[in-house]
Amino acid sequence: DTKPISLGLRDTAGQEDYDRLRPLSYPQTDVFLICFSVVSRASFENVKTKWLPEIRHHAPGVPFILVGTKLDLREDEETLEKLREKKMQPITTEQ
């Protein structure tokens, strides 16, 4: 299909200071990209405890795409060692 498509991306602040302002950017959103670091359990847990509840509340029915970032660090020895010290490992695709 040769139909032109306009893509606008908006990166919103995740800090609690912006919890009241962030939803103002949600109207007319067609899809959310929810990003998390594959080497941060806290980042991954925030998807379930913060981001999904927030978008479901302020934009019910709008689809989302879950995006794992920092994939290169899954094989980085320094990163893996730091995770092992905490008895952790990178987030897997199955999770």
PDB file of N, CA and C in Angstrom:
ATOM      1  N   ASP A   1       0.844  -1.179   0.000  1.00  0.00           N
ATOM      2  CA  ASP A   1       0.000   0.000   0.000  1.00  0.00           C
ATOM      3  C   ASP A   1       0.893   1.247   0.000  1.00  0.00           C
ATOM      4  N   THR A   2       0.539   2.231  -0.765  1.00  0.00           N
ATOM      5  CA  THR A   2       1.352   3.451  -0.849  1.00  0.00           C
ATOM      6  C   THR A   2       0.729   4.612  -0.091  1.00  0.00           C
ATOM      7  N   LYS A   3      -0.197   4.331   0.791  1.00  0.00           N
ATOM      8  CA  LYS A   3      -0.848   5.381   1.565  1.00  0.00           C
ATOM      9  C   LYS A   3       0.140   5.970   2.573  1.00  0.00           C
ATOM     10  N   PRO A   4       0.335   7.304   2.567  1.00  0.00           N
ATOM     11  CA  PRO A   4       1.250   7.911   3.538  1.00  0.00           C
ATOM     12  C   PRO A   4       0.686   7.791   4.958  1.00  0.00           C
ATOM     13  N   ILE A   5       1.578   7.566   5.882  1.00  0.00           N
ATOM     14  CA  ILE A   5       1.198   7.444   7.288  1.00  0.00           C
ATOM     15  C   ILE A   5       2.028   8.434   8.085  1.00  0.00           C
ATOM     16  N   SER A   6       1.377   9.118   8.989  1.00  0.00           N
ATOM     17  CA  SER A   6       2.069  10.056   9.869  1.00  0.00           C
ATOM     18  C   SER A   6       2.321   9.358  11.206  1.00  0.00           C
ATOM     19  N   LEU A   7       3.567   9.360  11.634  1.00  0.00           N
ATOM     20  CA  LEU A   7       3.937   8.733  12.899  1.00  0.00           C
ATOM     21  C   LEU A   7       4.476   9.804  13.828  1.00  0.00           C
ATOM     22  N   GLY A   8       3.823   9.974  14.937  1.00  0.00           N
ATOM     23  CA  GLY A   8       4.292  10.910  15.954  1.00  0.00           C
ATOM     24  C   GLY A   8       4.593  10.140  17.222  1.00  0.00           C
ATOM     25  N   LEU A   9       5.777  10.319  17.761  1.00  0.00           N
ATOM     26  CA  LEU A   9       6.166   9.644  19.000  1.00  0.00           C
ATOM     27  C   LEU A   9       6.310  10.680  20.103  1.00  0.00           C
ATOM     28  N   ARG A  10       5.829  10.327  21.279  1.00  0.00           N
ATOM     29  CA  ARG A  10       5.950  11.224  22.418  1.00  0.00           C
ATOM     30  C   ARG A  10       6.538  10.426  23.572  1.00  0.00           C
ATOM     31  N   ASP A  11       7.690  10.853  24.033  1.00  0.00           N
ATOM     32  CA  ASP A  11       8.353  10.217  25.171  1.00  0.00           C
ATOM     33  C   ASP A  11       7.914  10.968  26.418  1.00  0.00           C
ATOM     34  N   THR A  12       7.227  10.281  27.314  1.00  0.00           N
ATOM     35  CA  THR A  12       6.732  10.943  28.515  1.00  0.00           C
ATOM     36  C   THR A  12       7.630  10.630  29.701  1.00  0.00           C
ATOM     37  N   ALA A  13       7.683  11.553  30.632  1.00  0.00           N
ATOM     38  CA  ALA A  13       8.508  11.388  31.826  1.00  0.00           C
ATOM     39  C   ALA A  13       7.889  10.336  32.735  1.00  0.00           C
ATOM     40  N   GLY A  14       8.707   9.447  33.253  1.00  0.00           N
ATOM     41  CA  GLY A  14       8.206   8.382  34.105  1.00  0.00           C
ATOM     42  C   GLY A  14       8.253   8.691  35.585  1.00  0.00           C
ATOM     43  N   GLN A  15       8.896   9.789  35.961  1.00  0.00           N
ATOM     44  CA  GLN A  15       9.030  10.110  37.376  1.00  0.00           C
ATOM     45  C   GLN A  15       7.670  10.436  37.995  1.00  0.00           C
ATOM     46  N   GLU A  16       7.553  10.152  39.288  1.00  0.00           N
ATOM     47  CA  GLU A  16       6.300  10.394  40.001  1.00  0.00           C
ATOM     48  C   GLU A  16       5.880  11.852  39.942  1.00  0.00           C
ATOM     49  N   ASP A  17       6.838  12.767  39.840  1.00  0.00           N
ATOM     50  CA  ASP A  17       6.516  14.194  39.767  1.00  0.00           C
ATOM     51  C   ASP A  17       5.591  14.507  38.597  1.00  0.00           C
ATOM     52  N   TYR A  18       5.598  13.658  37.584  1.00  0.00           N
ATOM     53  CA  TYR A  18       4.813  13.908  36.376  1.00  0.00           C
ATOM     54  C   TYR A  18       3.551  13.045  36.285  1.00  0.00           C
ATOM     55  N   ASP A  19       3.222  12.318  37.347  1.00  0.00           N
ATOM     56  CA  ASP A  19       2.070  11.416  37.309  1.00  0.00           C
ATOM     57  C   ASP A  19       0.770  12.129  36.953  1.00  0.00           C
ATOM     58  N   ARG A  20       0.613  13.375  37.380  1.00  0.00           N
ATOM     59  CA  ARG A  20      -0.627  14.107  37.103  1.00  0.00           C
ATOM     60  C   ARG A  20      -0.612  14.755  35.722  1.00  0.00           C
ATOM     61  N   LEU A  21       0.564  15.069  35.210  1.00  0.00           N
ATOM     62  CA  LEU A  21       0.669  15.732  33.904  1.00  0.00           C
ATOM     63  C   LEU A  21       0.699  14.745  32.743  1.00  0.00           C
ATOM     64  N   ARG A  22       1.341  13.609  32.942  1.00  0.00           N
ATOM     65  CA  ARG A  22       1.553  12.640  31.868  1.00  0.00           C
ATOM     66  C   ARG A  22       0.260  12.245  31.142  1.00  0.00           C
ATOM     67  N   PRO A  23      -0.834  11.962  31.870  1.00  0.00           N
ATOM     68  CA  PRO A  23      -2.057  11.547  31.166  1.00  0.00           C
ATOM     69  C   PRO A  23      -2.628  12.604  30.220  1.00  0.00           C
ATOM     70  N   LEU A  24      -2.204  13.849  30.367  1.00  0.00           N
ATOM     71  CA  LEU A  24      -2.682  14.889  29.457  1.00  0.00           C
ATOM     72  C   LEU A  24      -2.203  14.644  28.030  1.00  0.00           C
ATOM     73  N   SER A  25      -1.166  13.841  27.884  1.00  0.00           N
ATOM     74  CA  SER A  25      -0.652  13.543  26.541  1.00  0.00           C
ATOM     75  C   SER A  25      -1.305  12.294  25.940  1.00  0.00           C
ATOM     76  N   TYR A  26      -2.220  11.653  26.646  1.00  0.00           N
ATOM     77  CA  TYR A  26      -2.803  10.395  26.185  1.00  0.00           C
ATOM     78  C   TYR A  26      -3.972  10.513  25.208  1.00  0.00           C
ATOM     79  N   PRO A  27      -4.779  11.588  25.255  1.00  0.00           N
ATOM     80  CA  PRO A  27      -5.902  11.642  24.309  1.00  0.00           C
ATOM     81  C   PRO A  27      -5.439  11.518  22.856  1.00  0.00           C
ATOM     82  N   GLN A  28      -6.237  10.857  22.071  1.00  0.00           N
ATOM     83  CA  GLN A  28      -6.011  10.637  20.644  1.00  0.00           C
ATOM     84  C   GLN A  28      -4.808   9.726  20.360  1.00  0.00           C
ATOM     85  N   THR A  29      -4.379   8.972  21.364  1.00  0.00           N
ATOM     86  CA  THR A  29      -3.306   8.001  21.157  1.00  0.00           C
ATOM     87  C   THR A  29      -3.886   6.764  20.477  1.00  0.00           C
ATOM     88  N   ASP A  30      -3.220   6.302  19.433  1.00  0.00           N
ATOM     89  CA  ASP A  30      -3.674   5.106  18.712  1.00  0.00           C
ATOM     90  C   ASP A  30      -3.057   3.830  19.269  1.00  0.00           C
ATOM     91  N   VAL A  31      -1.826   3.929  19.763  1.00  0.00           N
ATOM     92  CA  VAL A  31      -1.140   2.774  20.334  1.00  0.00           C
ATOM     93  C   VAL A  31      -0.041   3.283  21.269  1.00  0.00           C
ATOM     94  N   PHE A  32       0.170   2.578  22.366  1.00  0.00           N
ATOM     95  CA  PHE A  32       1.237   2.910  23.305  1.00  0.00           C
ATOM     96  C   PHE A  32       2.410   1.963  23.084  1.00  0.00           C
ATOM     97  N   LEU A  33       3.613   2.473  23.182  1.00  0.00           N
ATOM     98  CA  LEU A  33       4.822   1.652  23.244  1.00  0.00           C
ATOM     99  C   LEU A  33       5.271   1.694  24.700  1.00  0.00           C
ATOM    100  N   ILE A  34       5.185   0.575  25.385  1.00  0.00           N
ATOM    101  CA  ILE A  34       5.631   0.508  26.775  1.00  0.00           C
ATOM    102  C   ILE A  34       7.003  -0.141  26.769  1.00  0.00           C
ATOM    103  N   CYS A  35       8.000   0.631  27.169  1.00  0.00           N
ATOM    104  CA  CYS A  35       9.391   0.167  27.106  1.00  0.00           C
ATOM    105  C   CYS A  35       9.910  -0.185  28.497  1.00  0.00           C
ATOM    106  N   PHE A  36      10.744  -1.199  28.545  1.00  0.00           N
ATOM    107  CA  PHE A  36      11.402  -1.593  29.786  1.00  0.00           C
ATOM    108  C   PHE A  36      12.780  -2.134  29.439  1.00  0.00           C
ATOM    109  N   SER A  37      13.682  -2.083  30.406  1.00  0.00           N
ATOM    110  CA  SER A  37      15.028  -2.613  30.223  1.00  0.00           C
ATOM    111  C   SER A  37      15.032  -4.107  30.531  1.00  0.00           C
ATOM    112  N   VAL A  38      15.593  -4.904  29.627  1.00  0.00           N
ATOM    113  CA  VAL A  38      15.644  -6.354  29.853  1.00  0.00           C
ATOM    114  C   VAL A  38      16.646  -6.738  30.939  1.00  0.00           C
ATOM    115  N   VAL A  39      17.430  -5.783  31.420  1.00  0.00           N
ATOM    116  CA  VAL A  39      18.386  -6.078  32.490  1.00  0.00           C
ATOM    117  C   VAL A  39      17.990  -5.403  33.804  1.00  0.00           C
ATOM    118  N   SER A  40      16.732  -4.973  33.895  1.00  0.00           N
ATOM    119  CA  SER A  40      16.247  -4.347  35.123  1.00  0.00           C
ATOM    120  C   SER A  40      14.904  -4.947  35.521  1.00  0.00           C
ATOM    121  N   ARG A  41      14.917  -5.739  36.565  1.00  0.00           N
ATOM    122  CA  ARG A  41      13.680  -6.346  37.067  1.00  0.00           C
ATOM    123  C   ARG A  41      12.685  -5.256  37.470  1.00  0.00           C
ATOM    124  N   ALA A  42      13.169  -4.177  38.098  1.00  0.00           N
ATOM    125  CA  ALA A  42      12.278  -3.088  38.522  1.00  0.00           C
ATOM    126  C   ALA A  42      11.588  -2.446  37.323  1.00  0.00           C
ATOM    127  N   SER A  43      12.327  -2.241  36.257  1.00  0.00           N
ATOM    128  CA  SER A  43      11.766  -1.667  35.039  1.00  0.00           C
ATOM    129  C   SER A  43      10.665  -2.571  34.487  1.00  0.00           C
ATOM    130  N   PHE A  44      10.913  -3.860  34.468  1.00  0.00           N
ATOM    131  CA  PHE A  44       9.934  -4.832  33.980  1.00  0.00           C
ATOM    132  C   PHE A  44       8.703  -4.870  34.886  1.00  0.00           C
ATOM    133  N   GLU A  45       8.907  -4.862  36.195  1.00  0.00           N
ATOM    134  CA  GLU A  45       7.786  -4.892  37.139  1.00  0.00           C
ATOM    135  C   GLU A  45       6.926  -3.642  37.020  1.00  0.00           C
ATOM    136  N   ASN A  46       7.540  -2.506  36.688  1.00  0.00           N
ATOM    137  CA  ASN A  46       6.778  -1.269  36.515  1.00  0.00           C
ATOM    138  C   ASN A  46       5.760  -1.372  35.388  1.00  0.00           C
ATOM    139  N   VAL A  47       6.008  -2.231  34.425  1.00  0.00           N
ATOM    140  CA  VAL A  47       5.029  -2.435  33.350  1.00  0.00           C
ATOM    141  C   VAL A  47       3.705  -2.877  33.969  1.00  0.00           C
ATOM    142  N   LYS A  48       3.768  -3.846  34.879  1.00  0.00           N
ATOM    143  CA  LYS A  48       2.550  -4.397  35.486  1.00  0.00           C
ATOM    144  C   LYS A  48       1.967  -3.505  36.572  1.00  0.00           C
ATOM    145  N   THR A  49       2.840  -2.886  37.357  1.00  0.00           N
ATOM    146  CA  THR A  49       2.352  -2.146  38.521  1.00  0.00           C
ATOM    147  C   THR A  49       2.059  -0.679  38.247  1.00  0.00           C
ATOM    148  N   LYS A  50       2.681  -0.106  37.220  1.00  0.00           N
ATOM    149  CA  LYS A  50       2.489   1.319  36.948  1.00  0.00           C
ATOM    150  C   LYS A  50       1.900   1.591  35.571  1.00  0.00           C
ATOM    151  N   TRP A  51       2.599   1.158  34.526  1.00  0.00           N
ATOM    152  CA  TRP A  51       2.237   1.595  33.174  1.00  0.00           C
ATOM    153  C   TRP A  51       0.934   1.005  32.664  1.00  0.00           C
ATOM    154  N   LEU A  52       0.741  -0.298  32.788  1.00  0.00           N
ATOM    155  CA  LEU A  52      -0.518  -0.880  32.309  1.00  0.00           C
ATOM    156  C   LEU A  52      -1.727  -0.329  33.064  1.00  0.00           C
ATOM    157  N   PRO A  53      -1.693  -0.264  34.400  1.00  0.00           N
ATOM    158  CA  PRO A  53      -2.844   0.325  35.092  1.00  0.00           C
ATOM    159  C   PRO A  53      -3.104   1.777  34.673  1.00  0.00           C
ATOM    160  N   GLU A  54      -2.036   2.530  34.470  1.00  0.00           N
ATOM    161  CA  GLU A  54      -2.211   3.939  34.102  1.00  0.00           C
ATOM    162  C   GLU A  54      -2.858   4.092  32.730  1.00  0.00           C
ATOM    163  N   ILE A  55      -2.357   3.369  31.736  1.00  0.00           N
ATOM    164  CA  ILE A  55      -2.951   3.555  30.405  1.00  0.00           C
ATOM    165  C   ILE A  55      -4.341   2.927  30.327  1.00  0.00           C
ATOM    166  N   ARG A  56      -4.573   1.857  31.055  1.00  0.00           N
ATOM    167  CA  ARG A  56      -5.918   1.265  31.051  1.00  0.00           C
ATOM    168  C   ARG A  56      -6.935   2.195  31.708  1.00  0.00           C
ATOM    169  N   HIS A  57      -6.479   2.965  32.693  1.00  0.00           N
ATOM    170  CA  HIS A  57      -7.364   3.916  33.365  1.00  0.00           C
ATOM    171  C   HIS A  57      -7.641   5.135  32.486  1.00  0.00           C
ATOM    172  N   HIS A  58      -6.591   5.718  31.920  1.00  0.00           N
ATOM    173  CA  HIS A  58      -6.725   6.971  31.170  1.00  0.00           C
ATOM    174  C   HIS A  58      -7.038   6.777  29.691  1.00  0.00           C
ATOM    175  N   ALA A  59      -6.763   5.601  29.163  1.00  0.00           N
ATOM    176  CA  ALA A  59      -7.000   5.347  27.731  1.00  0.00           C
ATOM    177  C   ALA A  59      -7.501   3.915  27.548  1.00  0.00           C
ATOM    178  N   PRO A  60      -8.655   3.602  28.129  1.00  0.00           N
ATOM    179  CA  PRO A  60      -9.151   2.225  28.040  1.00  0.00           C
ATOM    180  C   PRO A  60      -9.361   1.794  26.593  1.00  0.00           C
ATOM    181  N   GLY A  61      -8.949   0.578  26.322  1.00  0.00           N
ATOM    182  CA  GLY A  61      -9.145   0.023  24.989  1.00  0.00           C
ATOM    183  C   GLY A  61      -8.059   0.348  23.982  1.00  0.00           C
ATOM    184  N   VAL A  62      -7.153   1.262  24.325  1.00  0.00           N
ATOM    185  CA  VAL A  62      -6.069   1.593  23.395  1.00  0.00           C
ATOM    186  C   VAL A  62      -5.018   0.485  23.486  1.00  0.00           C
ATOM    187  N   PRO A  63      -4.617  -0.094  22.364  1.00  0.00           N
ATOM    188  CA  PRO A  63      -3.636  -1.184  22.400  1.00  0.00           C
ATOM    189  C   PRO A  63      -2.245  -0.688  22.789  1.00  0.00           C
ATOM    190  N   PHE A  64      -1.422  -1.637  23.210  1.00  0.00           N
ATOM    191  CA  PHE A  64      -0.036  -1.302  23.545  1.00  0.00           C
ATOM    192  C   PHE A  64       0.888  -2.365  22.973  1.00  0.00           C
ATOM    193  N   ILE A  65       2.118  -1.947  22.753  1.00  0.00           N
ATOM    194  CA  ILE A  65       3.184  -2.849  22.311  1.00  0.00           C
ATOM    195  C   ILE A  65       4.252  -2.818  23.391  1.00  0.00           C
ATOM    196  N   LEU A  66       4.625  -3.979  23.891  1.00  0.00           N
ATOM    197  CA  LEU A  66       5.656  -4.088  24.914  1.00  0.00           C
ATOM    198  C   LEU A  66       7.013  -4.184  24.229  1.00  0.00           C
ATOM    199  N   VAL A  67       7.934  -3.280  24.597  1.00  0.00           N
ATOM    200  CA  VAL A  67       9.236  -3.185  23.940  1.00  0.00           C
ATOM    201  C   VAL A  67      10.345  -3.378  24.970  1.00  0.00           C
ATOM    202  N   GLY A  68      11.147  -4.426  24.788  1.00  0.00           N
ATOM    203  CA  GLY A  68      12.316  -4.638  25.634  1.00  0.00           C
ATOM    204  C   GLY A  68      13.494  -3.864  25.065  1.00  0.00           C
ATOM    205  N   THR A  69      14.149  -3.080  25.911  1.00  0.00           N
ATOM    206  CA  THR A  69      15.307  -2.295  25.481  1.00  0.00           C
ATOM    207  C   THR A  69      16.586  -2.860  26.100  1.00  0.00           C
ATOM    208  N   LYS A  70      17.701  -2.383  25.632  1.00  0.00           N
ATOM    209  CA  LYS A  70      19.034  -2.778  26.117  1.00  0.00           C
ATOM    210  C   LYS A  70      19.310  -4.262  25.877  1.00  0.00           C
ATOM    211  N   LEU A  71      18.794  -4.782  24.769  1.00  0.00           N
ATOM    212  CA  LEU A  71      18.986  -6.201  24.445  1.00  0.00           C
ATOM    213  C   LEU A  71      20.453  -6.585  24.358  1.00  0.00           C
ATOM    214  N   ASP A  72      21.289  -5.647  23.935  1.00  0.00           N
ATOM    215  CA  ASP A  72      22.717  -5.941  23.807  1.00  0.00           C
ATOM    216  C   ASP A  72      23.344  -6.305  25.148  1.00  0.00           C
ATOM    217  N   LEU A  73      22.762  -5.820  26.247  1.00  0.00           N
ATOM    218  CA  LEU A  73      23.335  -6.093  27.566  1.00  0.00           C
ATOM    219  C   LEU A  73      23.026  -7.497  28.073  1.00  0.00           C
ATOM    220  N   ARG A  74      22.155  -8.214  27.384  1.00  0.00           N
ATOM    221  CA  ARG A  74      21.882  -9.608  27.766  1.00  0.00           C
ATOM    222  C   ARG A  74      23.136 -10.471  27.659  1.00  0.00           C
ATOM    223  N   GLU A  75      24.055 -10.068  26.805  1.00  0.00           N
ATOM    224  CA  GLU A  75      25.284 -10.841  26.595  1.00  0.00           C
ATOM    225  C   GLU A  75      26.530 -10.096  27.059  1.00  0.00           C
ATOM    226  N   ASP A  76      26.345  -8.968  27.730  1.00  0.00           N
ATOM    227  CA  ASP A  76      27.466  -8.177  28.222  1.00  0.00           C
ATOM    228  C   ASP A  76      27.943  -8.768  29.550  1.00  0.00           C
ATOM    229  N   GLU A  77      29.190  -9.216  29.581  1.00  0.00           N
ATOM    230  CA  GLU A  77      29.706  -9.913  30.769  1.00  0.00           C
ATOM    231  C   GLU A  77      29.672  -9.050  32.022  1.00  0.00           C
ATOM    232  N   GLU A  78      29.995  -7.788  31.906  1.00  0.00           N
ATOM    233  CA  GLU A  78      29.982  -6.906  33.079  1.00  0.00           C
ATOM    234  C   GLU A  78      28.559  -6.786  33.640  1.00  0.00           C
ATOM    235  N   THR A  79      27.603  -6.613  32.769  1.00  0.00           N
ATOM    236  CA  THR A  79      26.202  -6.518  33.191  1.00  0.00           C
ATOM    237  C   THR A  79      25.735  -7.830  33.795  1.00  0.00           C
ATOM    238  N   LEU A  80      26.070  -8.940  33.161  1.00  0.00           N
ATOM    239  CA  LEU A  80      25.670 -10.251  33.672  1.00  0.00           C
ATOM    240  C   LEU A  80      26.276 -10.518  35.046  1.00  0.00           C
ATOM    241  N   GLU A  81      27.517 -10.104  35.248  1.00  0.00           N
ATOM    242  CA  GLU A  81      28.161 -10.290  36.551  1.00  0.00           C
ATOM    243  C   GLU A  81      27.446  -9.478  37.630  1.00  0.00           C
ATOM    244  N   LYS A  82      27.089  -8.244  37.311  1.00  0.00           N
ATOM    245  CA  LYS A  82      26.356  -7.412  38.279  1.00  0.00           C
ATOM    246  C   LYS A  82      25.010  -8.039  38.625  1.00  0.00           C
ATOM    247  N   LEU A  83      24.353  -8.602  37.638  1.00  0.00           N
ATOM    248  CA  LEU A  83      23.078  -9.270  37.895  1.00  0.00           C
ATOM    249  C   LEU A  83      23.284 -10.522  38.742  1.00  0.00           C
ATOM    250  N   ARG A  84      24.321 -11.300  38.437  1.00  0.00           N
ATOM    251  CA  ARG A  84      24.608 -12.522  39.216  1.00  0.00           C
ATOM    252  C   ARG A  84      24.877 -12.191  40.679  1.00  0.00           C
ATOM    253  N   GLU A  85      25.577 -11.082  40.923  1.00  0.00           N
ATOM    254  CA  GLU A  85      25.863 -10.672  42.304  1.00  0.00           C
ATOM    255  C   GLU A  85      24.579 -10.435  43.090  1.00  0.00           C
ATOM    256  N   LYS A  86      23.528 -10.040  42.387  1.00  0.00           N
ATOM    257  CA  LYS A  86      22.228  -9.794  43.019  1.00  0.00           C
ATOM    258  C   LYS A  86      21.297 -11.001  42.874  1.00  0.00           C
ATOM    259  N   LYS A  87      21.874 -12.123  42.403  1.00  0.00           N
ATOM    260  CA  LYS A  87      21.100 -13.343  42.157  1.00  0.00           C
ATOM    261  C   LYS A  87      19.942 -13.076  41.191  1.00  0.00           C
ATOM    262  N   MET A  88      20.265 -12.338  40.141  1.00  0.00           N
ATOM    263  CA  MET A  88      19.280 -11.989  39.119  1.00  0.00           C
ATOM    264  C   MET A  88      19.808 -12.380  37.751  1.00  0.00           C
ATOM    265  N   GLN A  89      18.933 -12.299  36.766  1.00  0.00           N
ATOM    266  CA  GLN A  89      19.317 -12.548  35.381  1.00  0.00           C
ATOM    267  C   GLN A  89      18.460 -11.660  34.486  1.00  0.00           C
ATOM    268  N   PRO A  90      18.848 -11.495  33.227  1.00  0.00           N
ATOM    269  CA  PRO A  90      18.049 -10.661  32.324  1.00  0.00           C
ATOM    270  C   PRO A  90      16.629 -11.211  32.156  1.00  0.00           C
ATOM    271  N   ILE A  91      15.720 -10.317  31.830  1.00  0.00           N
ATOM    272  CA  ILE A  91      14.344 -10.701  31.531  1.00  0.00           C
ATOM    273  C   ILE A  91      14.346 -11.492  30.225  1.00  0.00           C
ATOM    274  N   THR A  92      13.598 -12.586  30.189  1.00  0.00           N
ATOM    275  CA  THR A  92      13.537 -13.409  28.980  1.00  0.00           C
ATOM    276  C   THR A  92      12.266 -13.102  28.188  1.00  0.00           C
ATOM    277  N   THR A  93      12.233 -13.536  26.949  1.00  0.00           N
ATOM    278  CA  THR A  93      11.041 -13.316  26.124  1.00  0.00           C
ATOM    279  C   THR A  93       9.842 -14.082  26.677  1.00  0.00           C
ATOM    280  N   GLU A  94      10.080 -15.176  27.366  1.00  0.00           N
ATOM    281  CA  GLU A  94       8.985 -15.954  27.936  1.00  0.00           C
ATOM    282  C   GLU A  94       8.319 -15.237  29.100  1.00  0.00           C
ATOM    283  N   GLN A  95       9.066 -14.410  29.787  1.00  0.00           N
ATOM    284  CA  GLN A  95       8.505 -13.713  30.940  1.00  0.00           C
ATOM    285  C   GLN A  95       7.532 -12.661  30.485  1.00  0.00           C
TER     286      GLN A  95
END
